[in-house]
């Protein structure tokens, strides 16, 4: 099908094992197997690969379609798409099954699609064209009376359906009289009819998500925005290992034809820390439990040495970056990258982010984890790394590929590593260790105050002795480096807002990088500014910007990584956990309190 989709016109479904994107017109155009970072068997979001137009998607075409609408079933990850034409209307319900069965989590590598007539006499055509190996290989098909197997070089899929297999495979336009169910997943025989299994799985999955959201400690205001953000963050967690991906996609460009196309389907300890902290603030503690286990395995693997800033979901260290030879890219804007060079980087904020991510487990009595002295002693070598590297050049939070500096944000997180180790040691009655780490934190603090402050700019700048502004220094407030009323912090917030602000949006930095000057707002930076403004007492301004920033979400309440200032169009990988975290943090900080309203 020849369709040019808007980046923001996408919904996400998933089950903490796999995830898929669905266009506003009901096309499943991104679905990786066997997990988030696997082969995109549906990839039409990134082009048709070596095949023809429409390859790499599962679409429902309604004859003479005139309009569509899309929404989630309330408080779930189940997506409902309505297609309308003069002849009738069709409802498409998409989800990935997730519920508890036999005392454990049931989250198969499976999509369920239910298509039914809602009015009139609609005619539909199915486009079911998966491909393997990044669009290079067409599957071999074997078929039965109610199923078809898609056989690839390394994995197979099976579609079981009560729709006419011949018409589905031929892409024939047919009358839709009732309901058709499609179950696409492992190459296994189902135990019941597609209709019965689809209905049962939908009921149980609905119940799972609604019960999960019922347990969230949400703010009084912006409840729907927070619930959708929380569900989306949950969908970006890979429950089997505890890893949390930065986004579900690869290579959605940060700006049109910018070449800033990156693979975000991996676990950055920086992004994951913010994700689990946001969910924990809503009382969704299970993700933190799983992530803590993932973190401690990463720490053990490092044996006190270097920890790379990004790892695979299964703690893989080799994420070698390459370019797909077949996929054309979003709207033809390649390249499509697989892997990420950042795994080779030295980003010194990594150690602080790991310790920040692990610290709540030592204090939260709800979490049944082994977080005593042994776990603390496993973290101390990371503190030693932070101490050794706090004033050494690195690639920085923005992963610059062509230069290294002593980045303020990296040094800040090294301070946080030492500061939190002191707090944990004090909690464990390890007074000597607490004193040591507190002393080291103070030394790093003094260096940052002496070397990162610029009298000329009237603000903290991006690197020691530097002169350019960088939004990442706003994290000083978030990690408790300076009290909110400190004149230097207030001046920095004001100066950054003046120079980097673009309405409700915010540039990452003002200096050109490897690809030139940034062209779009980086959404999480805008949320950092909102948080900082609220901290310094400018809550009304923060609320106004927050409301405006929420308008940059798509029709389903989802956000990508970046937003174009002039058009409000989303760019960058999608949905971006950083952005969804910002929604939760902003609402939690700015919302009127329940007790004040009721």
Protein backbone atom coordinates (compact mmCIF):
# COMPACT_ATOMS: atom_id res chain seq x y z
CA UNK A 1 0.00 0.00 0.00
CA UNK A 2 1.32 3.41 -0.92
CA UNK A 3 0.87 5.37 2.30
CA UNK A 4 2.86 8.30 3.68
CA UNK A 5 2.25 8.23 7.42
CA UNK A 6 2.88 10.97 9.92
CA UNK A 7 5.30 9.98 12.62
CA UNK A 8 2.97 11.02 15.39
CA UNK A 9 0.01 9.09 13.92
CA UNK A 10 1.07 5.88 15.64
CA UNK A 11 -0.13 3.79 18.54
CA UNK A 12 1.88 1.23 20.48
CA UNK A 13 0.77 -2.16 21.71
CA UNK A 14 2.87 -4.64 23.66
CA UNK A 15 3.23 -6.96 26.62
CA UNK A 16 6.73 -6.39 28.08
CA UNK A 17 8.16 -9.04 25.71
CA UNK A 18 7.34 -7.65 22.27
CA UNK A 19 5.79 -4.44 20.97
CA UNK A 20 4.27 -3.19 17.72
CA UNK A 21 3.31 0.14 16.21
CA UNK A 22 -0.05 0.66 14.53
CA UNK A 23 -0.82 3.53 12.17
CA UNK A 24 -3.92 5.66 12.46
CA UNK A 25 -5.33 3.76 9.48
CA UNK A 26 -4.80 0.41 11.19
CA UNK A 27 -1.56 -0.80 9.58
CA UNK A 28 0.87 -2.67 11.81
CA UNK A 29 4.09 -1.22 10.42
CA UNK A 30 6.70 -2.06 13.08
CA UNK A 31 7.04 -5.35 14.97
CA UNK A 32 10.34 -6.94 15.96
CA UNK A 33 10.95 -10.56 16.88
CA UNK A 34 11.90 -12.34 19.03
CA UNK A 35 12.16 -9.20 21.24
CA UNK A 36 12.34 -5.40 20.99
CA UNK A 37 15.82 -5.38 19.45
CA UNK A 38 15.15 -8.20 17.00
CA UNK A 39 14.35 -8.45 13.31
CA UNK A 40 11.46 -6.16 12.26
CA UNK A 41 9.20 -8.64 10.51
CA UNK A 42 6.83 -5.71 9.95
CA UNK A 43 8.93 -2.72 8.94
CA UNK A 44 6.97 -0.60 6.45
CA UNK A 45 7.48 2.39 8.77
CA UNK A 46 11.07 2.25 7.51
CA UNK A 47 10.36 1.32 3.90
CA UNK A 48 9.59 -1.81 1.92
CA UNK A 49 13.07 -3.27 1.98
CA UNK A 50 14.10 -5.39 -1.00
CA UNK A 51 10.47 -6.10 -1.85
CA UNK A 52 7.60 -4.01 -3.17
CA UNK A 53 5.50 -1.17 -1.80
CA UNK A 54 3.39 -2.47 1.09
CA UNK A 55 5.81 -5.21 2.04
CA UNK A 56 6.58 -5.41 5.72
CA UNK A 57 3.15 -4.61 7.13
CA UNK A 58 -0.15 -6.06 8.24
CA UNK A 59 -2.84 -3.65 7.03
CA UNK A 60 -6.60 -3.64 6.73
CA UNK A 61 -7.73 -1.67 3.68
CA UNK A 62 -11.33 -0.44 3.72
CA UNK A 63 -12.68 0.24 0.25
CA UNK A 64 -13.31 3.97 -0.31
CA UNK A 65 -12.22 4.86 3.23
CA UNK A 66 -12.98 8.46 4.10
CA UNK A 67 -11.92 8.77 7.74
CA UNK A 68 -10.41 6.95 10.69
CA UNK A 69 -10.22 7.36 14.42
CA UNK A 70 -8.18 5.65 17.08
CA UNK A 71 -8.21 5.26 20.85
CA UNK A 72 -7.15 2.91 23.59
CA UNK A 73 -9.64 0.94 25.58
CA UNK A 74 -9.65 2.90 28.87
CA UNK A 75 -6.62 2.21 31.08
CA UNK A 76 -5.23 -0.53 28.85
CA UNK A 77 -2.67 -1.15 26.11
CA UNK A 78 -5.42 -2.42 23.79
CA UNK A 79 -5.81 -0.25 20.71
CA UNK A 80 -9.08 0.33 18.84
CA UNK A 81 -9.12 1.73 15.29
CA UNK A 82 -12.31 2.67 13.42
CA UNK A 83 -12.29 2.97 9.61
CA UNK A 84 -15.28 4.55 7.84
CA UNK A 85 -16.48 4.73 4.26
CA UNK A 86 -19.81 5.60 2.55
CA UNK A 87 -20.56 1.86 2.49
CA UNK A 88 -19.95 1.11 6.16
CA UNK A 89 -17.51 1.02 9.05
CA UNK A 90 -14.98 -1.43 10.46
CA UNK A 91 -13.52 -1.79 13.94
CA UNK A 92 -9.98 -3.14 14.40
CA UNK A 93 -8.81 -4.14 17.88
CA UNK A 94 -5.09 -4.86 18.33
CA UNK A 95 -3.21 -6.08 21.39
CA UNK A 96 -0.42 -8.30 22.63
CA UNK A 97 -1.73 -10.76 25.24
CA UNK A 98 -0.58 -10.20 28.81
CA UNK A 99 -2.02 -11.69 31.98
CA UNK A 100 -1.23 -14.10 34.77
CA UNK A 101 -1.67 -17.80 34.06
CA UNK A 102 -0.57 -20.75 36.21
CA UNK A 103 1.06 -18.38 38.68
CA UNK A 104 3.33 -16.66 36.18
CA UNK A 105 3.24 -13.88 33.63
CA UNK A 106 1.89 -14.92 30.23
CA UNK A 107 3.40 -12.61 27.59
CA UNK A 108 3.91 -14.52 24.34
CA UNK A 109 5.55 -13.20 21.19
CA UNK A 110 2.10 -12.70 19.75
CA UNK A 111 -0.23 -10.18 18.14
CA UNK A 112 -3.99 -10.54 18.23
CA UNK A 113 -6.06 -8.61 15.68
CA UNK A 114 -9.86 -8.59 15.70
CA UNK A 115 -11.67 -7.05 12.72
CA UNK A 116 -15.45 -6.64 12.68
CA UNK A 117 -18.18 -4.80 10.84
CA UNK A 118 -19.87 -2.11 12.91
CA UNK A 119 -22.27 -0.66 10.33
CA UNK A 120 -23.28 -0.91 6.69
CA UNK A 121 -21.75 -3.29 4.16
CA UNK A 122 -18.02 -2.62 4.21
CA UNK A 123 -15.52 -4.31 1.91
CA UNK A 124 -12.00 -4.94 3.13
CA UNK A 125 -8.70 -6.23 1.85
CA UNK A 126 -5.98 -7.74 4.05
CA UNK A 127 -2.35 -6.91 3.35
CA UNK A 128 -0.24 -9.41 5.28
CA UNK A 129 3.34 -9.28 4.08
CA UNK A 130 5.98 -9.99 6.72
CA UNK A 131 9.61 -10.17 5.67
CA UNK A 132 12.75 -11.32 7.40
CA UNK A 133 16.31 -10.09 7.88
CA UNK A 134 15.50 -6.38 7.76
CA UNK A 135 13.35 -6.59 4.68
CA UNK A 136 15.81 -8.57 2.59
CA UNK A 137 14.17 -12.00 2.63
CA UNK A 138 10.61 -12.96 1.71
CA UNK A 139 9.27 -15.84 3.81
CA UNK A 140 8.50 -19.27 2.50
CA UNK A 141 4.78 -19.99 2.96
CA UNK A 142 3.20 -23.25 3.99
CA UNK A 143 -0.52 -23.32 4.59
CA UNK A 144 -3.25 -25.32 6.24
CA UNK A 145 -7.01 -24.93 6.27
CA UNK A 146 -6.96 -22.24 8.98
CA UNK A 147 -3.36 -21.22 9.26
CA UNK A 148 -0.32 -20.16 7.28
CA UNK A 149 3.30 -20.52 8.33
CA UNK A 150 5.85 -17.85 7.40
CA UNK A 151 9.21 -19.60 7.35
CA UNK A 152 12.38 -17.52 7.50
CA UNK A 153 16.09 -18.27 7.70
CA UNK A 154 16.23 -17.92 11.49
CA UNK A 155 12.64 -17.83 12.77
CA UNK A 156 9.13 -18.83 11.82
CA UNK A 157 5.71 -17.33 12.47
CA UNK A 158 2.24 -18.78 12.28
CA UNK A 159 -0.99 -16.96 11.50
CA UNK A 160 -4.11 -18.72 12.69
CA UNK A 161 -7.40 -17.17 11.59
CA UNK A 162 -11.04 -17.79 10.89
CA UNK A 163 -10.81 -15.51 7.84
CA UNK A 164 -10.55 -17.16 4.40
CA UNK A 165 -6.83 -17.95 4.06
CA UNK A 166 -6.94 -17.75 0.24
CA UNK A 167 -8.40 -14.25 0.27
CA UNK A 168 -5.96 -13.08 2.94
CA UNK A 169 -2.90 -14.30 1.05
CA UNK A 170 -4.21 -13.09 -2.33
CA UNK A 171 -5.05 -9.65 -0.94
CA UNK A 172 -8.56 -9.89 -2.35
CA UNK A 173 -11.25 -7.31 -1.54
CA UNK A 174 -14.10 -9.13 0.24
CA UNK A 175 -17.37 -8.34 1.99
CA UNK A 176 -17.00 -8.19 5.76
CA UNK A 177 -20.12 -9.78 7.19
CA UNK A 178 -19.19 -10.41 10.81
CA UNK A 179 -15.90 -10.66 12.70
CA UNK A 180 -12.50 -12.06 11.77
CA UNK A 181 -9.75 -12.90 14.26
CA UNK A 182 -6.05 -13.07 13.39
CA UNK A 183 -3.55 -14.57 15.84
CA UNK A 184 0.03 -14.08 14.71
CA UNK A 185 2.71 -15.59 16.87
CA UNK A 186 4.90 -18.63 17.48
CA UNK A 187 4.69 -21.58 15.12
CA UNK A 188 2.43 -23.54 17.42
CA UNK A 189 -1.02 -25.11 17.12
CA UNK A 190 -3.73 -23.29 19.08
CA UNK A 191 -5.89 -25.16 21.56
CA UNK A 192 -9.17 -23.53 20.55
CA UNK A 193 -10.77 -21.52 17.77
CA UNK A 194 -9.22 -18.14 16.88
CA UNK A 195 -12.43 -16.36 17.91
CA UNK A 196 -12.53 -18.05 21.32
CA UNK A 197 -8.85 -17.51 22.02
CA UNK A 198 -8.97 -13.89 20.83
CA UNK A 199 -11.97 -13.12 23.03
CA UNK A 200 -10.50 -14.85 26.08
CA UNK A 201 -7.10 -13.24 25.68
CA UNK A 202 -8.68 -9.81 25.20
CA UNK A 203 -10.80 -10.15 28.34
CA UNK A 204 -7.84 -11.28 30.45
CA UNK A 205 -5.51 -8.65 29.00
CA UNK A 206 -8.06 -5.92 29.64
CA UNK A 207 -8.41 -7.07 33.22
CA UNK A 208 -4.62 -7.14 33.70
CA UNK A 209 -4.06 -3.55 32.53
CA UNK A 210 -7.06 -2.13 34.36
CA UNK A 211 -5.95 -3.75 37.60
CA UNK A 212 -2.41 -2.49 37.04
CA UNK A 213 -3.57 1.09 36.54
CA UNK A 214 -5.88 0.87 39.57
CA UNK A 215 -2.80 0.47 41.76
CA UNK A 216 -1.08 3.60 40.43
CA UNK A 217 -0.74 6.53 42.82
CA UNK A 218 -1.66 9.18 40.27
CA UNK A 219 -1.87 12.97 40.74
CA UNK A 220 -5.18 14.85 40.92
CA UNK A 221 -4.63 16.66 37.61
CA UNK A 222 -3.71 15.29 34.18
CA UNK A 223 -4.70 11.77 35.18
CA UNK A 224 -5.27 10.43 31.67
CA UNK A 225 -1.91 11.78 30.50
CA UNK A 226 -0.12 10.16 33.43
CA UNK A 227 -1.87 6.80 33.04
CA UNK A 228 -1.04 6.64 29.34
CA UNK A 229 2.57 7.59 30.03
CA UNK A 230 2.84 4.95 32.76
CA UNK A 231 1.43 2.19 30.54
CA UNK A 232 3.80 3.23 27.75
CA UNK A 233 6.82 3.11 30.04
CA UNK A 234 5.73 -0.30 31.24
CA UNK A 235 5.55 -1.47 27.63
CA UNK A 236 9.20 -0.43 27.16
CA UNK A 237 10.38 -2.75 29.92
CA UNK A 238 11.61 -6.21 28.96
CA UNK A 239 10.35 -8.27 31.84
CA UNK A 240 12.40 -11.40 31.12
CA UNK A 241 15.65 -9.66 32.13
CA UNK A 242 14.56 -6.34 33.68
CA UNK A 243 16.12 -4.15 30.99
CA UNK A 244 14.32 -1.00 29.85
CA UNK A 245 14.68 0.27 26.29
CA UNK A 246 14.93 3.94 25.36
CA UNK A 247 12.36 3.59 22.56
CA UNK A 248 10.67 0.90 20.49
CA UNK A 249 12.12 2.07 17.15
CA UNK A 250 15.37 2.62 15.37
CA UNK A 251 16.31 5.37 12.94
CA UNK A 252 13.31 7.67 13.06
CA UNK A 253 15.25 10.88 12.29
CA UNK A 254 15.54 13.62 14.88
CA UNK A 255 14.78 16.15 12.14
CA UNK A 256 13.96 15.89 8.42
CA UNK A 257 16.93 14.66 6.37
CA UNK A 258 19.25 15.28 9.31
CA UNK A 259 21.08 11.95 9.29
CA UNK A 260 20.52 11.86 13.06
CA UNK A 261 19.08 8.35 12.88
CA UNK A 262 19.88 6.10 15.83
CA UNK A 263 18.88 2.70 17.14
CA UNK A 264 17.23 3.18 20.55
CA UNK A 265 16.06 -0.39 21.16
CA UNK A 266 18.63 -0.93 23.92
CA UNK A 267 19.03 -0.16 27.59
CA UNK A 268 20.80 3.07 28.47
CA UNK A 269 21.34 3.12 32.22
CA UNK A 270 20.69 6.87 32.11
CA UNK A 271 17.29 6.60 30.46
CA UNK A 272 16.32 3.52 32.44
CA UNK A 273 17.02 5.28 35.74
CA UNK A 274 14.58 8.05 34.88
CA UNK A 275 12.01 5.51 33.70
CA UNK A 276 12.02 3.34 36.81
CA UNK A 277 12.07 6.39 39.06
CA UNK A 278 9.00 7.83 37.34
CA UNK A 279 7.12 4.53 37.65
CA UNK A 280 8.21 4.20 41.25
CA UNK A 281 6.78 7.63 42.00
CA UNK A 282 3.42 6.21 40.88
CA UNK A 283 3.87 3.16 43.15
CA UNK A 284 4.54 0.84 40.18
CA UNK A 285 7.42 -0.87 41.95
CA UNK A 286 7.70 -4.13 40.02
CA UNK A 287 9.64 -2.52 37.15
CA UNK A 288 12.17 -1.19 39.67
CA UNK A 289 12.56 -4.67 41.16
CA UNK A 290 13.29 -6.21 37.77
CA UNK A 291 15.57 -3.34 36.74
CA UNK A 292 17.55 -3.59 39.98
CA UNK A 293 18.27 -7.23 39.17
CA UNK A 294 19.35 -6.24 35.64
CA UNK A 295 21.59 -3.52 37.06
CA UNK A 296 23.25 -5.73 39.63
CA UNK A 297 24.03 -8.31 36.96
CA UNK A 298 25.64 -5.55 34.87
CA UNK A 299 27.66 -4.47 37.90
CA UNK A 300 28.80 -8.03 38.59
CA UNK A 301 29.82 -8.52 34.96
CA UNK A 302 31.99 -5.38 35.08
CA UNK A 303 34.04 -6.72 38.01
CA UNK A 304 34.81 -3.20 39.18
CA UNK A 305 35.87 -1.94 35.74
CA UNK A 306 34.38 0.14 32.97
CA UNK A 307 30.64 -0.10 32.39
CA UNK A 308 29.45 1.00 28.98
CA UNK A 309 26.52 3.46 28.92
CA UNK A 310 24.27 1.21 26.87
CA UNK A 311 23.77 -2.55 26.98
CA UNK A 312 21.52 -5.06 25.32
CA UNK A 313 18.36 -6.28 26.99
CA UNK A 314 20.17 -9.49 27.88
CA UNK A 315 23.24 -7.50 29.04
CA UNK A 316 24.93 -7.92 25.67
CA UNK A 317 27.95 -5.64 25.33
CA UNK A 318 28.61 -5.88 21.57
CA UNK A 319 26.02 -3.63 19.92
CA UNK A 320 28.06 -3.06 16.79
CA UNK A 321 26.49 -0.39 14.62
CA UNK A 322 25.73 -1.16 10.98
CA UNK A 323 23.34 0.09 8.32
CA UNK A 324 20.53 -1.94 6.78
CA UNK A 325 21.28 -2.37 3.08
CA UNK A 326 17.60 -2.73 2.17
CA UNK A 327 15.37 -0.44 4.22
CA UNK A 328 14.91 3.02 2.75
CA UNK A 329 14.18 4.81 6.01
CA UNK A 330 11.20 6.77 7.32
CA UNK A 331 9.78 8.74 4.36
CA UNK A 332 12.95 7.68 2.52
CA UNK A 333 15.17 9.44 5.06
CA UNK A 334 17.83 6.82 5.72
CA UNK A 335 20.05 5.39 6.91
CA UNK A 336 18.38 2.71 9.00
CA UNK A 337 20.87 1.80 11.70
CA UNK A 338 21.10 -1.48 13.58
CA UNK A 339 23.11 -1.34 16.80
CA UNK A 340 24.55 1.76 18.42
CA UNK A 341 28.12 3.03 18.53
CA UNK A 342 27.47 4.44 21.99
CA UNK A 343 28.38 1.03 23.41
CA UNK A 344 32.00 2.00 22.65
CA UNK A 345 31.77 5.34 24.45
CA UNK A 346 33.08 6.42 27.78
CA UNK A 347 30.27 8.38 29.41
CA UNK A 348 31.20 9.03 33.00
CA UNK A 349 27.68 9.82 34.12
CA UNK A 350 26.98 6.09 33.74
CA UNK A 351 28.23 5.29 37.25
CA UNK A 352 26.07 7.90 38.88
CA UNK A 353 23.02 6.78 36.96
CA UNK A 354 23.53 3.17 38.03
CA UNK A 355 23.86 4.12 41.70
CA UNK A 356 20.91 6.50 41.44
CA UNK A 357 18.88 3.68 39.89
CA UNK A 358 19.85 1.23 42.62
CA UNK A 359 19.62 3.57 45.64
CA UNK A 360 15.81 3.41 46.17
CA UNK A 361 16.03 -0.35 46.68
CA UNK A 362 18.00 0.25 49.89
CA UNK A 363 15.34 2.52 51.39
CA UNK A 364 11.99 1.29 50.05
CA UNK A 365 10.59 -1.26 52.50
CA UNK A 366 8.02 -2.45 49.94
CA UNK A 367 10.70 -4.11 47.83
CA UNK A 368 11.58 -7.70 48.79
CA UNK A 369 15.18 -7.56 47.58
CA UNK A 370 18.59 -8.30 49.00
CA UNK A 371 19.88 -4.76 49.43
CA UNK A 372 22.07 -5.02 52.50
CA UNK A 373 25.79 -4.60 52.95
CA UNK A 374 26.69 -7.12 50.24
CA UNK A 375 24.78 -5.21 47.59
CA UNK A 376 26.30 -1.96 48.83
CA UNK A 377 29.80 -3.39 48.52
CA UNK A 378 29.02 -4.35 44.93
CA UNK A 379 28.20 -0.71 44.17
CA UNK A 380 31.28 0.81 45.80
CA UNK A 381 33.60 -0.02 42.86
CA UNK A 382 31.31 2.10 40.69
CA UNK A 383 31.82 4.92 43.14
CA UNK A 384 35.55 4.45 42.80
CA UNK A 385 35.19 4.79 39.04
CA UNK A 386 33.11 7.94 39.46
CA UNK A 387 35.71 9.37 41.84
CA UNK A 388 38.57 8.65 39.44
CA UNK A 389 36.76 10.00 36.39
CA UNK A 390 34.82 12.98 37.71
CA UNK A 391 37.21 15.52 36.16
CA UNK A 392 38.19 13.58 33.03
CA UNK A 393 36.94 14.18 29.46
CA UNK A 394 34.19 11.96 28.03
CA UNK A 395 31.56 11.83 25.27
CA UNK A 396 28.93 13.34 27.56
CA UNK A 397 25.21 12.81 27.98
CA UNK A 398 24.55 13.66 24.31
CA UNK A 399 27.04 11.04 23.09
CA UNK A 400 29.19 13.29 20.91
CA UNK A 401 31.17 11.19 18.47
CA UNK A 402 33.97 13.56 17.49
CA UNK A 403 35.13 15.31 20.66
CA UNK A 404 35.63 14.79 24.38
CA UNK A 405 35.38 17.33 27.19
CA UNK A 406 34.92 17.43 30.95
CA UNK A 407 31.16 17.68 30.71
CA UNK A 408 29.36 19.31 33.61
CA UNK A 409 26.52 16.80 33.54
CA UNK A 410 28.97 13.88 33.70
CA UNK A 411 30.79 15.39 36.66
CA UNK A 412 27.42 16.11 38.26
CA UNK A 413 26.45 12.44 38.08
CA UNK A 414 29.84 11.42 39.48
CA UNK A 415 28.98 13.69 42.41
CA UNK A 416 25.60 11.97 42.68
CA UNK A 417 27.32 8.57 42.78
CA UNK A 418 29.43 9.57 45.76
CA UNK A 419 26.59 11.44 47.47
CA UNK A 420 24.20 8.49 47.23
CA UNK A 421 26.82 6.00 48.37
CA UNK A 422 27.30 8.18 51.46
CA UNK A 423 23.56 8.16 52.10
CA UNK A 424 23.30 4.38 51.63
CA UNK A 425 26.29 3.78 53.90
CA UNK A 426 24.76 5.99 56.57
CA UNK A 427 21.51 4.03 56.26
CA UNK A 428 23.45 0.79 56.76
CA UNK A 429 25.35 2.24 59.78
CA UNK A 430 28.65 2.15 57.91
CA UNK A 431 29.87 5.44 59.34
CA UNK A 432 33.44 5.36 58.06
CA UNK A 433 32.35 4.63 54.52
CA UNK A 434 29.67 7.31 54.74
CA UNK A 435 32.26 9.87 55.80
CA UNK A 436 34.60 8.88 52.96
CA UNK A 437 31.96 9.18 50.24
CA UNK A 438 30.55 12.41 51.66
CA UNK A 439 34.04 13.92 51.62
CA UNK A 440 34.56 12.86 48.01
CA UNK A 441 31.18 14.25 47.02
CA UNK A 442 32.15 17.58 48.56
CA UNK A 443 35.40 17.68 46.59
CA UNK A 444 33.55 17.05 43.31
CA UNK A 445 30.93 19.61 44.25
CA UNK A 446 33.55 22.29 44.77
CA UNK A 447 35.19 21.51 41.43
CA UNK A 448 31.90 21.83 39.60
CA UNK A 449 31.10 25.13 41.30
CA UNK A 450 34.59 26.46 40.50
CA UNK A 451 34.95 25.21 36.93
CA UNK A 452 31.45 24.98 35.43
CA UNK A 453 30.19 28.41 36.39
CA UNK A 454 30.69 31.11 33.75
CA UNK A 455 30.57 34.72 34.87
CA UNK A 456 30.40 35.76 31.23
CA UNK A 457 27.26 33.69 30.56
CA UNK A 458 25.81 34.11 34.02
CA UNK A 459 25.09 30.40 34.18
CA UNK A 460 26.57 26.95 34.58
CA UNK A 461 27.89 25.89 31.19
CA UNK A 462 28.21 22.56 29.41
CA UNK A 463 31.85 21.79 30.32
CA UNK A 464 34.61 22.83 32.68
CA UNK A 465 36.02 26.10 31.41
CA UNK A 466 33.48 26.15 28.58
CA UNK A 467 31.32 28.99 27.33
CA UNK A 468 28.27 27.36 25.74
CA UNK A 469 24.93 26.48 27.31
CA UNK A 470 23.52 22.97 27.70
CA UNK A 471 20.11 22.01 29.10
CA UNK A 472 21.56 18.99 30.92
CA UNK A 473 22.87 21.22 33.72
CA UNK A 474 19.23 21.63 34.79
CA UNK A 475 19.62 18.19 36.37
CA UNK A 476 21.43 19.95 39.20
CA UNK A 477 18.04 20.59 40.72
CA UNK A 478 16.66 17.14 40.06
CA UNK A 479 19.53 15.26 41.75
CA UNK A 480 19.76 17.70 44.66
CA UNK A 481 23.14 19.21 43.83
CA UNK A 482 22.04 22.77 44.67
CA UNK A 483 19.09 24.05 46.68
CA UNK A 484 16.42 25.52 44.37
CA UNK A 485 16.84 29.00 45.77
CA UNK A 486 20.58 29.15 45.10
CA UNK A 487 21.11 32.30 43.01
CA UNK A 488 23.39 30.45 40.60
CA UNK A 489 20.77 27.81 39.90
CA UNK A 490 18.04 30.43 39.44
CA UNK A 491 20.28 32.40 37.07
CA UNK A 492 21.06 29.23 35.10
CA UNK A 493 17.40 28.35 34.71
CA UNK A 494 16.61 31.83 33.48
CA UNK A 495 19.56 32.02 31.10
CA UNK A 496 18.92 28.56 29.61
CA UNK A 497 15.25 29.38 29.13
CA UNK A 498 16.14 32.61 27.36
CA UNK A 499 18.76 31.10 25.02
CA UNK A 500 17.57 27.55 24.43
CA UNK A 501 13.83 27.94 24.88
CA UNK A 502 11.57 27.95 21.84
CA UNK A 503 8.09 28.55 23.22
CA UNK A 504 7.30 25.46 25.30
CA UNK A 505 10.15 23.55 23.62
CA UNK A 506 13.84 23.48 24.41
CA UNK A 507 17.06 22.89 22.50
CA UNK A 508 19.59 20.51 24.01
CA UNK A 509 22.50 22.91 23.51
CA UNK A 510 23.48 25.91 21.43
CA UNK A 511 26.78 24.71 19.99
CA UNK A 512 27.02 22.80 16.72
CA UNK A 513 27.73 19.09 17.07
CA UNK A 514 28.81 16.36 14.64
CA UNK A 515 25.77 17.10 12.44
CA UNK A 516 25.48 20.86 12.85
CA UNK A 517 23.24 22.99 15.07
CA UNK A 518 20.19 21.11 16.44
CA UNK A 519 17.01 21.99 14.57
CA UNK A 520 14.26 20.69 16.87
CA UNK A 521 13.35 20.71 20.52
CA UNK A 522 14.44 17.75 22.63
CA UNK A 523 11.32 17.01 24.63
CA UNK A 524 12.91 15.87 27.87
CA UNK A 525 14.88 19.12 28.08
CA UNK A 526 11.59 21.03 27.97
CA UNK A 527 10.33 18.92 30.86
CA UNK A 528 13.58 19.54 32.78
CA UNK A 529 12.98 23.27 32.39
CA UNK A 530 9.43 22.88 33.70
CA UNK A 531 10.71 21.00 36.74
CA UNK A 532 13.39 23.62 37.37
CA UNK A 533 10.93 26.51 37.05
CA UNK A 534 8.63 24.86 39.58
CA UNK A 535 11.55 24.34 41.96
CA UNK A 536 12.52 28.00 41.91
CA UNK A 537 8.96 29.08 42.61
CA UNK A 538 7.70 29.96 39.14
CA UNK A 539 4.90 27.40 39.16
CA UNK A 540 2.40 29.34 37.08
CA UNK A 541 4.91 29.69 34.27
CA UNK A 542 5.77 26.00 34.62
CA UNK A 543 2.08 25.01 34.46
CA UNK A 544 1.55 27.08 31.31
CA UNK A 545 4.53 25.50 29.57
CA UNK A 546 3.47 22.03 30.73
CA UNK A 547 0.00 22.44 29.27
CA UNK A 548 1.47 23.66 25.99
CA UNK A 549 3.93 20.79 25.89
CA UNK A 550 1.15 18.25 26.38
CA UNK A 551 -0.32 19.56 23.12
CA UNK A 552 2.72 18.10 21.36
CA UNK A 553 1.52 14.58 22.17
CA UNK A 554 -0.21 12.67 19.42
CA UNK A 555 -3.87 11.71 19.30
CA UNK A 556 -3.21 8.83 21.71
CA UNK A 557 -1.18 10.78 24.27
CA UNK A 558 2.23 9.50 23.09
CA UNK A 559 5.40 11.49 22.44
CA UNK A 560 8.48 10.96 20.35
CA UNK A 561 11.96 12.22 21.19
CA UNK A 562 11.84 15.62 19.48
CA UNK A 563 9.34 18.24 18.34
CA UNK A 564 9.66 20.72 15.48
CA UNK A 565 9.14 24.26 16.81
CA UNK A 566 7.19 25.65 13.86
CA UNK A 567 4.84 22.76 13.09
CA UNK A 568 4.57 20.84 16.35
CA UNK A 569 5.38 17.65 14.42
CA UNK A 570 7.08 14.88 16.31
CA UNK A 571 10.45 13.55 15.23
CA UNK A 572 12.94 11.06 16.61
CA UNK A 573 12.40 7.57 17.95
CA UNK A 574 8.97 6.65 19.24
CA UNK A 575 7.58 6.40 21.81
CA UNK A 576 10.50 7.90 23.71
CA UNK A 577 10.73 6.90 27.35
CA UNK A 578 12.45 10.16 28.28
CA UNK A 579 9.47 12.13 26.96
CA UNK A 580 6.88 9.95 28.69
CA UNK A 581 8.88 10.26 31.94
CA UNK A 582 8.67 14.04 31.58
CA UNK A 583 4.88 13.87 31.44
CA UNK A 584 4.74 11.92 34.71
CA UNK A 585 7.31 14.05 36.51
CA UNK A 586 5.70 17.29 35.40
CA UNK A 587 2.23 16.22 36.48
CA UNK A 588 3.44 14.89 39.83
CA UNK A 589 5.28 18.12 40.59
CA UNK A 590 2.64 20.59 39.38
CA UNK A 591 -0.69 18.95 40.13
CA UNK A 592 -2.97 20.30 42.79
CA UNK A 593 -3.09 17.90 45.73
CA UNK A 594 -5.94 15.47 46.30
CA UNK A 595 -6.29 16.54 49.90
CA UNK A 596 -6.58 20.20 48.88
CA UNK A 597 -9.35 19.49 46.38
CA UNK A 598 -11.55 16.93 48.08
